[in-house]
Each structure stands twice: as C-alpha cells, then as structure tokens.
Amino acid sequence: MREPSYEGRALVSQRHQLDADVRGHLASRRAWGAATCHARRVLELRGITKAYGRRRALAGVSLTVNAGEAVLLVGRNGAGKTTLIRIATGFLDADAGEIRIDGIDLSTSRAAAQRRFGYLPEHAPAPAELTVRAHLRTRARLKGIPASEAPAAIDKAMAAAAVEREADRRIGTLSKGFRQRVGLADALLGDPPLLVLDEPTSGMDPIQTKELRDGLVRATADAKGRAVLVSSHAVADLEALATKIAVLREGELVAFDTADALVRDTKTSKLDDAVVKLLGGDAAAKESA
C-alpha cells in the first residue's frame, strides 16, 4: 500500500524541480542520516526555558542534532524559533537548561563551544566595501585559521556556497541572494561540525531562494558528518535540506520527527499540511504562508 507521505514527497519534488545533482546530494545525505541514528551528538539542547517578563518564550525544549542530520525548525511568528537559535549559539542566555556543542558545555566553555559551529543569521553582516575574498580572509583570521591554510579554506568555502565567481566583487554590489551565500561561505569556513541557520531565505525572491537552498543542500551533503539546525517559515523551500522536522508552538516542541513520519501521523498528504495541522489549523496556515 502506498503511504501518503510518498505522494507528499512527489508533490514537493515537482514544485521545487531540484536539479539532478542536487537530488543526488539529497539522497546521499538522507541515506547518511538514516545510517547514523546512533552517531555522535553534535548539538544537544536539554530543558531549555526562557521568559521575557511574564511572557514565556520557551518551555523546556529538548532536541538533539546528530552528525549527518539536518533539522528544520518551524513554527508561527513568536513561537520561539529565533530565541532557541540564539540560545543554542550562546548569543542569549537561557533561564534554565543545558546546551552542549560537540560535547562541550556552552555554559562553562562558551568560547570553545562557539568555535565548533558556523552561524548564518537572517541578515548576514558583511562590509559592503570589501570584496568577497577580502572579507573571508578577515573572517578566517578571526576564526584562528592558520595563514598557511586560509587560502585553501576560503576557496573551499566559496565553492561550497557557489560564490567563487564573485570572489573579487565588492559585497555591496551583490544581490541579497549572493550576500546570503557569502554569509554561508563565512559559516562554512574551517569546516565546523555544526551549521546553524536562522531564516536564511527571508526576503528572497523564488529564484534567489532556490539558488540558496540548492547551495545549502550541496554544502551540507558534501560534509556528511556535519550537523545542521535551520529555522524557517518556508517549510516547502527548505524541506529538501531536512532529515528531521522540529515543530515549535507557543514555546513548546510539539513534534520532532522525519517528514514522512509527521505526514503519516497527521494523516495528511504533504509536509506543509502536516505542519499547519500541528500548529493549529487555518490561523497557522496564514502565518506559515
């Protein structure tokens, strides 16, 4: 008997029209993720709680991202996605809970833990007057990459983010899509075991979104042991990247499983509909559109 989840997957594939090479990378990554269910825990969040005054932002959220996995964090506006990302990266303190990055306790060894991940915020900061290569050269130095290794590391990161042809252009002349790719190259510098992305496709047109998404799929697939945590409203845009989906609703983690499992458990035909159902129906659909 054919499961509805397969139909959902087919619809998503048709809508996105992923290139053949990207589909190959995706299949490879998902196979790796399935084979590494007992792999090392690269990101561990346990009982994360945060409140702003009387408003609860997060209520005991726990999730793990293993090596080779990519977790897509979704939810309505105000669900706590950005708060969780900021706490996971050490840029905001939790009221309670534990964070470990590649086995390092963030609360006691913040600097060491932060060296173990690359971070792409919603609006990646980069000086407009510098060329892509000059900016990444500065970032490599700040990240402690030895000068003798920096050129190769920069070339590798630019290739992974598909910005090598723009290497000698000033960042201020690039489109938003390419500026986000520069941010991705920055995050990939030094091959960190964890990649954290916060709304990476926000404000992009469909072509820019597809280009960045395909770049993310390639970049994460090429490093099979890397773990990825990405937050987004755009479920359909980034489903191709994910091996698991984490659904936040009003600060609580209400679902954490594969896309196929969520579709099956919610008795829907595609992931978009499954997420809408988990978020509470029509009101959630308006927010996640």
C-alpha atoms as a PDB file:
ATOM      1  CA  MET A   1       0.000   0.000   0.000  1.00  0.00           C
ATOM      2  CA  ARG A   2       1.384   3.388  -0.969  1.00  0.00           C
ATOM      3  CA  GLU A   3       1.755   5.726   2.008  1.00  0.00           C
ATOM      4  CA  PRO A   4       0.508   9.328   1.658  1.00  0.00           C
ATOM      5  CA  SER A   5       3.968  10.564   2.589  1.00  0.00           C
ATOM      6  CA  TYR A   6       5.330   9.369  -0.735  1.00  0.00           C
ATOM      7  CA  GLU A   7       2.718  11.403  -2.576  1.00  0.00           C
ATOM      8  CA  GLY A   8       3.652  14.429  -0.490  1.00  0.00           C
ATOM      9  CA  ARG A   9       7.281  13.951  -1.364  1.00  0.00           C
ATOM     10  CA  ALA A  10       6.464  13.744  -5.051  1.00  0.00           C
ATOM     11  CA  LEU A  11       4.482  16.987  -4.916  1.00  0.00           C
ATOM     12  CA  VAL A  12       7.303  18.789  -3.206  1.00  0.00           C
ATOM     13  CA  SER A  13       9.806  17.447  -5.733  1.00  0.00           C
ATOM     14  CA  GLN A  14       7.679  18.616  -8.648  1.00  0.00           C
ATOM     15  CA  ARG A  15       7.195  22.049  -7.147  1.00  0.00           C
ATOM     16  CA  HIS A  16      10.859  22.654  -6.479  1.00  0.00           C
ATOM     17  CA  GLN A  17      12.261  20.940  -9.596  1.00  0.00           C
ATOM     18  CA  LEU A  18      15.589  20.226  -7.933  1.00  0.00           C
ATOM     19  CA  ASP A  19      18.493  19.779 -10.320  1.00  0.00           C
ATOM     20  CA  ALA A  20      19.706  16.216 -10.830  1.00  0.00           C
ATOM     21  CA  ASP A  21      22.967  16.782  -8.991  1.00  0.00           C
ATOM     22  CA  VAL A  22      21.186  18.315  -6.010  1.00  0.00           C
ATOM     23  CA  ARG A  23      18.745  15.408  -5.869  1.00  0.00           C
ATOM     24  CA  GLY A  24      21.726  13.091  -5.797  1.00  0.00           C
ATOM     25  CA  HIS A  25      23.276  15.017  -2.918  1.00  0.00           C
ATOM     26  CA  LEU A  26      19.930  14.961  -1.096  1.00  0.00           C
ATOM     27  CA  ALA A  27      19.525  11.207  -1.458  1.00  0.00           C
ATOM     28  CA  SER A  28      23.080  10.696  -0.235  1.00  0.00           C
ATOM     29  CA  ARG A  29      22.536  12.926   2.781  1.00  0.00           C
ATOM     30  CA  ARG A  30      19.284  11.267   3.805  1.00  0.00           C
ATOM     31  CA  ALA A  31      20.851   7.840   3.484  1.00  0.00           C
ATOM     32  CA  TRP A  32      23.720   9.013   5.683  1.00  0.00           C
ATOM     33  CA  GLY A  33      21.311  10.451   8.244  1.00  0.00           C
ATOM     34  CA  ALA A  34      19.328   7.214   8.366  1.00  0.00           C
ATOM     35  CA  ALA A  35      22.506   5.204   8.831  1.00  0.00           C
ATOM     36  CA  THR A  36      23.822   7.404  11.642  1.00  0.00           C
ATOM     37  CA  CYS A  37      20.943   7.333  14.125  1.00  0.00           C
ATOM     38  CA  HIS A  38      23.496   6.473  16.814  1.00  0.00           C
ATOM     39  CA  ALA A  39      26.127   8.942  15.609  1.00  0.00           C
ATOM     40  CA  ARG A  40      27.768  11.442  17.891  1.00  0.00           C
ATOM     41  CA  ARG A  41      25.549  14.183  19.265  1.00  0.00           C
ATOM     42  CA  VAL A  42      26.784  17.442  17.778  1.00  0.00           C
ATOM     43  CA  LEU A  43      24.098  19.681  19.288  1.00  0.00           C
ATOM     44  CA  GLU A  44      22.234  18.828  22.483  1.00  0.00           C
ATOM     45  CA  LEU A  45      19.527  21.064  23.936  1.00  0.00           C
ATOM     46  CA  ARG A  46      18.011  19.863  27.193  1.00  0.00           C
ATOM     47  CA  GLY A  47      15.132  21.525  29.007  1.00  0.00           C
ATOM     48  CA  ILE A  48      15.686  24.977  27.501  1.00  0.00           C
ATOM     49  CA  THR A  49      13.453  27.533  29.203  1.00  0.00           C
ATOM     50  CA  LYS A  50      13.245  31.269  28.571  1.00  0.00           C
ATOM     51  CA  ALA A  51      10.816  34.015  29.578  1.00  0.00           C
ATOM     52  CA  TYR A  52      10.677  37.741  28.892  1.00  0.00           C
ATOM     53  CA  GLY A  53       8.988  39.125  31.945  1.00  0.00           C
ATOM     54  CA  ARG A  54       5.707  37.258  32.220  1.00  0.00           C
ATOM     55  CA  ARG A  55       5.778  36.065  28.624  1.00  0.00           C
ATOM     56  CA  ARG A  56       7.012  32.532  28.168  1.00  0.00           C
ATOM     57  CA  ALA A  57       9.211  32.175  25.093  1.00  0.00           C
ATOM     58  CA  LEU A  58      10.441  28.586  25.557  1.00  0.00           C
ATOM     59  CA  ALA A  59       9.112  25.894  27.869  1.00  0.00           C
ATOM     60  CA  GLY A  60      11.577  23.074  28.464  1.00  0.00           C
ATOM     61  CA  VAL A  61      12.604  22.441  24.853  1.00  0.00           C
ATOM     62  CA  SER A  62      14.860  19.430  24.296  1.00  0.00           C
ATOM     63  CA  LEU A  63      16.241  18.214  20.988  1.00  0.00           C
ATOM     64  CA  THR A  64      19.393  16.643  19.607  1.00  0.00           C
ATOM     65  CA  VAL A  65      21.042  17.043  16.205  1.00  0.00           C
ATOM     66  CA  ASN A  66      23.413  14.198  15.383  1.00  0.00           C
ATOM     67  CA  ALA A  67      26.284  14.178  12.927  1.00  0.00           C
ATOM     68  CA  GLY A  68      24.869  13.854   9.428  1.00  0.00           C
ATOM     69  CA  GLU A  69      21.440  15.217  10.356  1.00  0.00           C
ATOM     70  CA  ALA A  70      19.753  18.454   9.267  1.00  0.00           C
ATOM     71  CA  VAL A  71      16.889  19.620  11.487  1.00  0.00           C
ATOM     72  CA  LEU A  72      14.376  22.142  10.124  1.00  0.00           C
ATOM     73  CA  LEU A  73      12.869  24.210  12.957  1.00  0.00           C
ATOM     74  CA  VAL A  74       9.439  25.591  12.053  1.00  0.00           C
ATOM     75  CA  GLY A  75       6.694  27.494  13.839  1.00  0.00           C
ATOM     76  CA  ARG A  76       4.498  30.569  13.781  1.00  0.00           C
ATOM     77  CA  ASN A  77       5.763  34.086  14.445  1.00  0.00           C
ATOM     78  CA  GLY A  78       6.552  34.310  18.146  1.00  0.00           C
ATOM     79  CA  ALA A  79       6.791  30.540  18.585  1.00  0.00           C
ATOM     80  CA  GLY A  80      10.346  30.839  19.941  1.00  0.00           C
ATOM     81  CA  LYS A  81      12.430  29.815  16.913  1.00  0.00           C
ATOM     82  CA  THR A  82      14.846  32.744  16.924  1.00  0.00           C
ATOM     83  CA  THR A  83      15.086  32.672  20.722  1.00  0.00           C
ATOM     84  CA  LEU A  84      16.057  28.985  20.578  1.00  0.00           C
ATOM     85  CA  ILE A  85      18.622  29.641  17.840  1.00  0.00           C
ATOM     86  CA  ARG A  86      20.203  32.488  19.826  1.00  0.00           C
ATOM     87  CA  ILE A  87      20.364  30.362  22.957  1.00  0.00           C
ATOM     88  CA  ALA A  88      21.816  27.403  21.044  1.00  0.00           C
ATOM     89  CA  THR A  89      24.599  29.616  19.688  1.00  0.00           C
ATOM     90  CA  GLY A  90      25.399  31.310  23.002  1.00  0.00           C
ATOM     91  CA  PHE A  91      24.222  34.781  21.997  1.00  0.00           C
ATOM     92  CA  LEU A  92      21.386  34.679  24.531  1.00  0.00           C
ATOM     93  CA  ASP A  93      21.296  33.015  27.943  1.00  0.00           C
ATOM     94  CA  ALA A  94      18.530  30.572  28.841  1.00  0.00           C
ATOM     95  CA  ASP A  95      16.761  30.806  32.189  1.00  0.00           C
ATOM     96  CA  ALA A  96      17.238  27.069  32.606  1.00  0.00           C
ATOM     97  CA  GLY A  97      18.533  24.118  30.606  1.00  0.00           C
ATOM     98  CA  GLU A  98      21.735  22.706  29.184  1.00  0.00           C
ATOM     99  CA  ILE A  99      23.452  23.212  25.827  1.00  0.00           C
ATOM    100  CA  ARG A 100      26.301  21.063  24.525  1.00  0.00           C
ATOM    101  CA  ILE A 101      28.017  21.625  21.181  1.00  0.00           C
ATOM    102  CA  ASP A 102      30.131  18.712  20.010  1.00  0.00           C
ATOM    103  CA  GLY A 103      30.326  17.559  23.621  1.00  0.00           C
ATOM    104  CA  ILE A 104      31.358  20.962  25.020  1.00  0.00           C
ATOM    105  CA  ASP A 105      29.207  22.572  27.725  1.00  0.00           C
ATOM    106  CA  LEU A 106      28.293  26.034  26.463  1.00  0.00           C
ATOM    107  CA  SER A 107      27.739  27.406  29.962  1.00  0.00           C
ATOM    108  CA  THR A 108      31.267  26.622  31.169  1.00  0.00           C
ATOM    109  CA  SER A 109      33.292  26.787  27.915  1.00  0.00           C
ATOM    110  CA  ARG A 110      31.458  29.291  25.737  1.00  0.00           C
ATOM    111  CA  ALA A 111      34.383  30.316  23.509  1.00  0.00           C
ATOM    112  CA  ALA A 112      35.431  26.722  22.848  1.00  0.00           C
ATOM    113  CA  ALA A 113      31.852  25.681  22.087  1.00  0.00           C
ATOM    114  CA  GLN A 114      31.304  28.613  19.722  1.00  0.00           C
ATOM    115  CA  ARG A 115      34.354  27.602  17.703  1.00  0.00           C
ATOM    116  CA  ARG A 116      32.563  24.363  16.861  1.00  0.00           C
ATOM    117  CA  PHE A 117      29.783  25.882  14.751  1.00  0.00           C
ATOM    118  CA  GLY A 118      29.246  28.192  11.793  1.00  0.00           C
ATOM    119  CA  TYR A 119      26.353  30.645  12.048  1.00  0.00           C
ATOM    120  CA  LEU A 120      24.305  32.303   9.299  1.00  0.00           C
ATOM    121  CA  PRO A 121      21.866  34.863  10.761  1.00  0.00           C
ATOM    122  CA  GLU A 122      18.822  36.175   8.924  1.00  0.00           C
ATOM    123  CA  HIS A 123      20.758  39.266   7.851  1.00  0.00           C
ATOM    124  CA  ALA A 124      24.371  38.192   7.430  1.00  0.00           C
ATOM    125  CA  PRO A 125      26.681  41.125   8.301  1.00  0.00           C
ATOM    126  CA  ALA A 126      29.446  41.878   5.813  1.00  0.00           C
ATOM    127  CA  PRO A 127      31.257  45.147   4.953  1.00  0.00           C
ATOM    128  CA  ALA A 128      29.966  46.463   1.634  1.00  0.00           C
ATOM    129  CA  GLU A 129      33.321  47.940   0.631  1.00  0.00           C
ATOM    130  CA  LEU A 130      35.266  44.666   0.828  1.00  0.00           C
ATOM    131  CA  THR A 131      35.453  42.028  -1.857  1.00  0.00           C
ATOM    132  CA  VAL A 132      34.134  38.581  -1.049  1.00  0.00           C
ATOM    133  CA  ARG A 133      37.656  37.151  -0.825  1.00  0.00           C
ATOM    134  CA  ALA A 134      38.952  40.000   1.371  1.00  0.00           C
ATOM    135  CA  HIS A 135      36.018  39.625   3.752  1.00  0.00           C
ATOM    136  CA  LEU A 136      36.519  35.874   4.051  1.00  0.00           C
ATOM    137  CA  ARG A 137      40.240  36.395   4.561  1.00  0.00           C
ATOM    138  CA  THR A 138      39.437  38.632   7.550  1.00  0.00           C
ATOM    139  CA  ARG A 139      36.917  36.147   8.881  1.00  0.00           C
ATOM    140  CA  ALA A 140      39.392  33.273   8.540  1.00  0.00           C
ATOM    141  CA  ARG A 141      41.927  35.225  10.601  1.00  0.00           C
ATOM    142  CA  LEU A 142      39.328  35.983  13.294  1.00  0.00           C
ATOM    143  CA  LYS A 143      38.384  32.304  13.412  1.00  0.00           C
ATOM    144  CA  GLY A 144      42.001  31.352  14.038  1.00  0.00           C
ATOM    145  CA  ILE A 145      42.579  29.521  10.768  1.00  0.00           C
ATOM    146  CA  PRO A 146      46.375  29.447  10.181  1.00  0.00           C
ATOM    147  CA  ALA A 147      47.542  31.820   7.438  1.00  0.00           C
ATOM    148  CA  SER A 148      49.091  28.922   5.525  1.00  0.00           C
ATOM    149  CA  GLU A 149      45.736  27.127   5.431  1.00  0.00           C
ATOM    150  CA  ALA A 150      43.475  30.139   4.881  1.00  0.00           C
ATOM    151  CA  PRO A 151      43.623  30.380   1.051  1.00  0.00           C
ATOM    152  CA  ALA A 152      42.565  26.758   0.586  1.00  0.00           C
ATOM    153  CA  ALA A 153      39.894  27.060   3.284  1.00  0.00           C
ATOM    154  CA  ILE A 154      38.493  30.198   1.636  1.00  0.00           C
ATOM    155  CA  ASP A 155      38.438  28.603  -1.803  1.00  0.00           C
ATOM    156  CA  LYS A 156      36.665  25.541  -0.412  1.00  0.00           C
ATOM    157  CA  ALA A 157      34.041  27.632   1.401  1.00  0.00           C
ATOM    158  CA  MET A 158      33.396  29.816  -1.659  1.00  0.00           C
ATOM    159  CA  ALA A 159      32.998  26.745  -3.860  1.00  0.00           C
ATOM    160  CA  ALA A 160      30.575  25.138  -1.388  1.00  0.00           C
ATOM    161  CA  ALA A 161      28.476  28.317  -1.264  1.00  0.00           C
ATOM    162  CA  ALA A 162      28.783  28.819  -5.061  1.00  0.00           C
ATOM    163  CA  VAL A 163      30.279  32.318  -4.825  1.00  0.00           C
ATOM    164  CA  GLU A 164      33.717  31.629  -6.292  1.00  0.00           C
ATOM    165  CA  ARG A 165      32.869  33.603  -9.447  1.00  0.00           C
ATOM    166  CA  GLU A 166      32.093  36.625  -7.269  1.00  0.00           C
ATOM    167  CA  ALA A 167      35.318  36.371  -5.252  1.00  0.00           C
ATOM    168  CA  ASP A 168      36.731  39.703  -6.427  1.00  0.00           C
ATOM    169  CA  ARG A 169      33.474  41.674  -6.426  1.00  0.00           C
ATOM    170  CA  ARG A 170      32.628  44.099  -3.653  1.00  0.00           C
ATOM    171  CA  ILE A 171      29.935  42.741  -1.391  1.00  0.00           C
ATOM    172  CA  GLY A 172      27.904  45.929  -1.686  1.00  0.00           C
ATOM    173  CA  THR A 173      27.361  45.250  -5.407  1.00  0.00           C
ATOM    174  CA  LEU A 174      25.859  41.793  -4.840  1.00  0.00           C
ATOM    175  CA  SER A 175      22.167  40.875  -4.699  1.00  0.00           C
ATOM    176  CA  LYS A 176      20.665  39.782  -1.392  1.00  0.00           C
ATOM    177  CA  GLY A 177      20.800  36.187  -2.542  1.00  0.00           C
ATOM    178  CA  PHE A 178      24.524  36.391  -3.206  1.00  0.00           C
ATOM    179  CA  ARG A 179      25.144  38.279   0.058  1.00  0.00           C
ATOM    180  CA  GLN A 180      23.456  35.417   1.896  1.00  0.00           C
ATOM    181  CA  ARG A 181      25.708  32.991   0.025  1.00  0.00           C
ATOM    182  CA  VAL A 182      28.708  34.998   1.225  1.00  0.00           C
ATOM    183  CA  GLY A 183      27.335  34.559   4.753  1.00  0.00           C
ATOM    184  CA  LEU A 184      27.059  30.838   4.097  1.00  0.00           C
ATOM    185  CA  ALA A 185      30.679  30.728   2.912  1.00  0.00           C
ATOM    186  CA  ASP A 186      31.647  32.516   6.142  1.00  0.00           C
ATOM    187  CA  ALA A 187      29.730  29.960   8.202  1.00  0.00           C
ATOM    188  CA  LEU A 188      31.431  27.092   6.351  1.00  0.00           C
ATOM    189  CA  LEU A 189      34.968  28.415   6.860  1.00  0.00           C
ATOM    190  CA  GLY A 190      37.064  25.878   8.722  1.00  0.00           C
ATOM    191  CA  ASP A 191      34.588  23.007   8.223  1.00  0.00           C
ATOM    192  CA  PRO A 192      32.744  23.318  11.566  1.00  0.00           C
ATOM    193  CA  PRO A 193      30.873  20.194  12.693  1.00  0.00           C
ATOM    194  CA  LEU A 194      27.684  22.241  13.240  1.00  0.00           C
ATOM    195  CA  LEU A 195      25.970  24.730  10.946  1.00  0.00           C
ATOM    196  CA  VAL A 196      23.220  26.986  12.390  1.00  0.00           C
ATOM    197  CA  LEU A 197      20.991  28.987  10.035  1.00  0.00           C
ATOM    198  CA  ASP A 198      18.303  31.472  11.094  1.00  0.00           C
ATOM    199  CA  GLU A 199      15.697  32.250   8.398  1.00  0.00           C
ATOM    200  CA  PRO A 200      18.313  32.015   5.593  1.00  0.00           C
ATOM    201  CA  THR A 201      15.785  32.640   2.769  1.00  0.00           C
ATOM    202  CA  SER A 202      13.917  35.550   4.385  1.00  0.00           C
ATOM    203  CA  GLY A 203      13.112  38.335   1.925  1.00  0.00           C
ATOM    204  CA  MET A 204      14.359  36.441  -1.135  1.00  0.00           C
ATOM    205  CA  ASP A 205      12.529  36.029  -4.411  1.00  0.00           C
ATOM    206  CA  PRO A 206      11.797  32.465  -5.654  1.00  0.00           C
ATOM    207  CA  ILE A 207      14.921  32.268  -7.819  1.00  0.00           C
ATOM    208  CA  GLN A 208      17.206  33.507  -5.012  1.00  0.00           C
ATOM    209  CA  THR A 209      15.539  31.082  -2.610  1.00  0.00           C
ATOM    210  CA  LYS A 210      16.084  28.130  -4.945  1.00  0.00           C
ATOM    211  CA  GLU A 211      19.718  29.067  -5.549  1.00  0.00           C
ATOM    212  CA  LEU A 212      20.477  29.397  -1.836  1.00  0.00           C
ATOM    213  CA  ARG A 213      18.573  26.220  -0.984  1.00  0.00           C
ATOM    214  CA  ASP A 214      20.431  24.237  -3.616  1.00  0.00           C
ATOM    215  CA  GLY A 215      23.701  25.650  -2.305  1.00  0.00           C
ATOM    216  CA  LEU A 216      22.777  24.606   1.226  1.00  0.00           C
ATOM    217  CA  VAL A 217      21.901  21.089   0.077  1.00  0.00           C
ATOM    218  CA  ARG A 218      25.230  20.767  -1.722  1.00  0.00           C
ATOM    219  CA  ALA A 219      27.248  22.289   1.127  1.00  0.00           C
ATOM    220  CA  THR A 220      25.737  20.038   3.773  1.00  0.00           C
ATOM    221  CA  ALA A 221      25.782  16.917   1.616  1.00  0.00           C
ATOM    222  CA  ASP A 222      29.455  17.374   0.794  1.00  0.00           C
ATOM    223  CA  ALA A 223      30.287  17.229   4.510  1.00  0.00           C
ATOM    224  CA  LYS A 224      28.465  14.056   5.515  1.00  0.00           C
ATOM    225  CA  GLY A 225      29.401  14.292   9.169  1.00  0.00           C
ATOM    226  CA  ARG A 226      28.124  17.853   9.620  1.00  0.00           C
ATOM    227  CA  ALA A 227      25.020  18.591  11.684  1.00  0.00           C
ATOM    228  CA  VAL A 228      22.650  21.388  10.645  1.00  0.00           C
ATOM    229  CA  LEU A 229      19.963  23.321  12.535  1.00  0.00           C
ATOM    230  CA  VAL A 230      17.942  25.719  10.372  1.00  0.00           C
ATOM    231  CA  SER A 231      14.907  27.785  11.362  1.00  0.00           C
ATOM    232  CA  SER A 232      12.435  28.979   8.748  1.00  0.00           C
ATOM    233  CA  HIS A 233       8.835  29.847   7.969  1.00  0.00           C
ATOM    234  CA  ALA A 234       9.395  28.460   4.480  1.00  0.00           C
ATOM    235  CA  VAL A 235       8.711  24.768   5.027  1.00  0.00           C
ATOM    236  CA  ALA A 236       8.448  23.919   1.338  1.00  0.00           C
ATOM    237  CA  ASP A 237      11.548  25.918   0.431  1.00  0.00           C
ATOM    238  CA  LEU A 238      13.824  24.079   2.843  1.00  0.00           C
ATOM    239  CA  GLU A 239      12.228  20.634   3.147  1.00  0.00           C
ATOM    240  CA  ALA A 240      14.812  19.329   0.682  1.00  0.00           C
ATOM    241  CA  LEU A 241      17.526  20.092   3.218  1.00  0.00           C
ATOM    242  CA  ALA A 242      15.976  18.378   6.228  1.00  0.00           C
ATOM    243  CA  THR A 243      16.298  14.886   7.608  1.00  0.00           C
ATOM    244  CA  LYS A 244      14.057  15.812  10.574  1.00  0.00           C
ATOM    245  CA  ILE A 245      11.459  18.486  11.328  1.00  0.00           C
ATOM    246  CA  ALA A 246      11.065  20.181  14.722  1.00  0.00           C
ATOM    247  CA  VAL A 247       7.750  21.994  15.231  1.00  0.00           C
ATOM    248  CA  LEU A 248       7.541  24.742  17.875  1.00  0.00           C
ATOM    249  CA  ARG A 249       4.171  26.012  19.084  1.00  0.00           C
ATOM    250  CA  GLU A 250       3.976  28.714  21.757  1.00  0.00           C
ATOM    251  CA  GLY A 251       7.415  27.837  23.091  1.00  0.00           C
ATOM    252  CA  GLU A 252       6.833  24.084  23.235  1.00  0.00           C
ATOM    253  CA  LEU A 253       8.270  21.395  20.980  1.00  0.00           C
ATOM    254  CA  VAL A 254       5.107  19.634  19.785  1.00  0.00           C
ATOM    255  CA  ALA A 255       6.712  17.368  17.164  1.00  0.00           C
ATOM    256  CA  PHE A 256      10.202  16.171  16.265  1.00  0.00           C
ATOM    257  CA  ASP A 257      10.467  13.501  13.598  1.00  0.00           C
ATOM    258  CA  THR A 258      11.106  12.835   9.927  1.00  0.00           C
ATOM    259  CA  ALA A 259       8.881  14.496   7.329  1.00  0.00           C
ATOM    260  CA  ASP A 260       7.422  11.122   6.344  1.00  0.00           C
ATOM    261  CA  ALA A 261       6.527  10.337   9.958  1.00  0.00           C
ATOM    262  CA  LEU A 262       4.848  13.720  10.508  1.00  0.00           C
ATOM    263  CA  VAL A 263       2.798  13.330   7.319  1.00  0.00           C
ATOM    264  CA  ARG A 264       1.764   9.822   8.335  1.00  0.00           C
ATOM    265  CA  ASP A 265       0.929  10.711  11.945  1.00  0.00           C
ATOM    266  CA  THR A 266      -1.158  13.751  10.978  1.00  0.00           C
ATOM    267  CA  LYS A 267      -2.925  11.825   8.180  1.00  0.00           C
ATOM    268  CA  THR A 268      -2.062  14.483   5.625  1.00  0.00           C
ATOM    269  CA  SER A 269      -0.562  14.226   2.130  1.00  0.00           C
ATOM    270  CA  LYS A 270       2.408  16.609   2.357  1.00  0.00           C
ATOM    271  CA  LEU A 271       4.643  18.247   4.930  1.00  0.00           C
ATOM    272  CA  ASP A 272       3.165  21.731   4.572  1.00  0.00           C
ATOM    273  CA  ASP A 273      -0.256  20.390   5.583  1.00  0.00           C
ATOM    274  CA  ALA A 274       1.210  18.340   8.419  1.00  0.00           C
ATOM    275  CA  VAL A 275       2.937  21.401   9.888  1.00  0.00           C
ATOM    276  CA  VAL A 276      -0.226  23.514   9.557  1.00  0.00           C
ATOM    277  CA  LYS A 277      -2.198  20.838  11.414  1.00  0.00           C
ATOM    278  CA  LEU A 278       0.391  20.626  14.184  1.00  0.00           C
ATOM    279  CA  LEU A 279       0.382  24.408  14.528  1.00  0.00           C
ATOM    280  CA  GLY A 280      -3.348  24.603  14.931  1.00  0.00           C
ATOM    281  CA  GLY A 281      -5.080  24.905  11.574  1.00  0.00           C
ATOM    282  CA  ASP A 282      -6.113  27.897   9.499  1.00  0.00           C
ATOM    283  CA  ALA A 283      -4.519  30.563  11.673  1.00  0.00           C
ATOM    284  CA  ALA A 284      -1.224  28.734  11.465  1.00  0.00           C
ATOM    285  CA  ALA A 285      -1.579  28.412   7.711  1.00  0.00           C
ATOM    286  CA  LYS A 286      -1.791  32.154   7.345  1.00  0.00           C
ATOM    287  CA  GLU A 287       1.365  32.626   9.401  1.00  0.00           C
ATOM    288  CA  SER A 288       3.377  29.937   7.596  1.00  0.00           C
ATOM    289  CA  ALA A 289       2.347  31.016   4.104  1.00  0.00           C
END
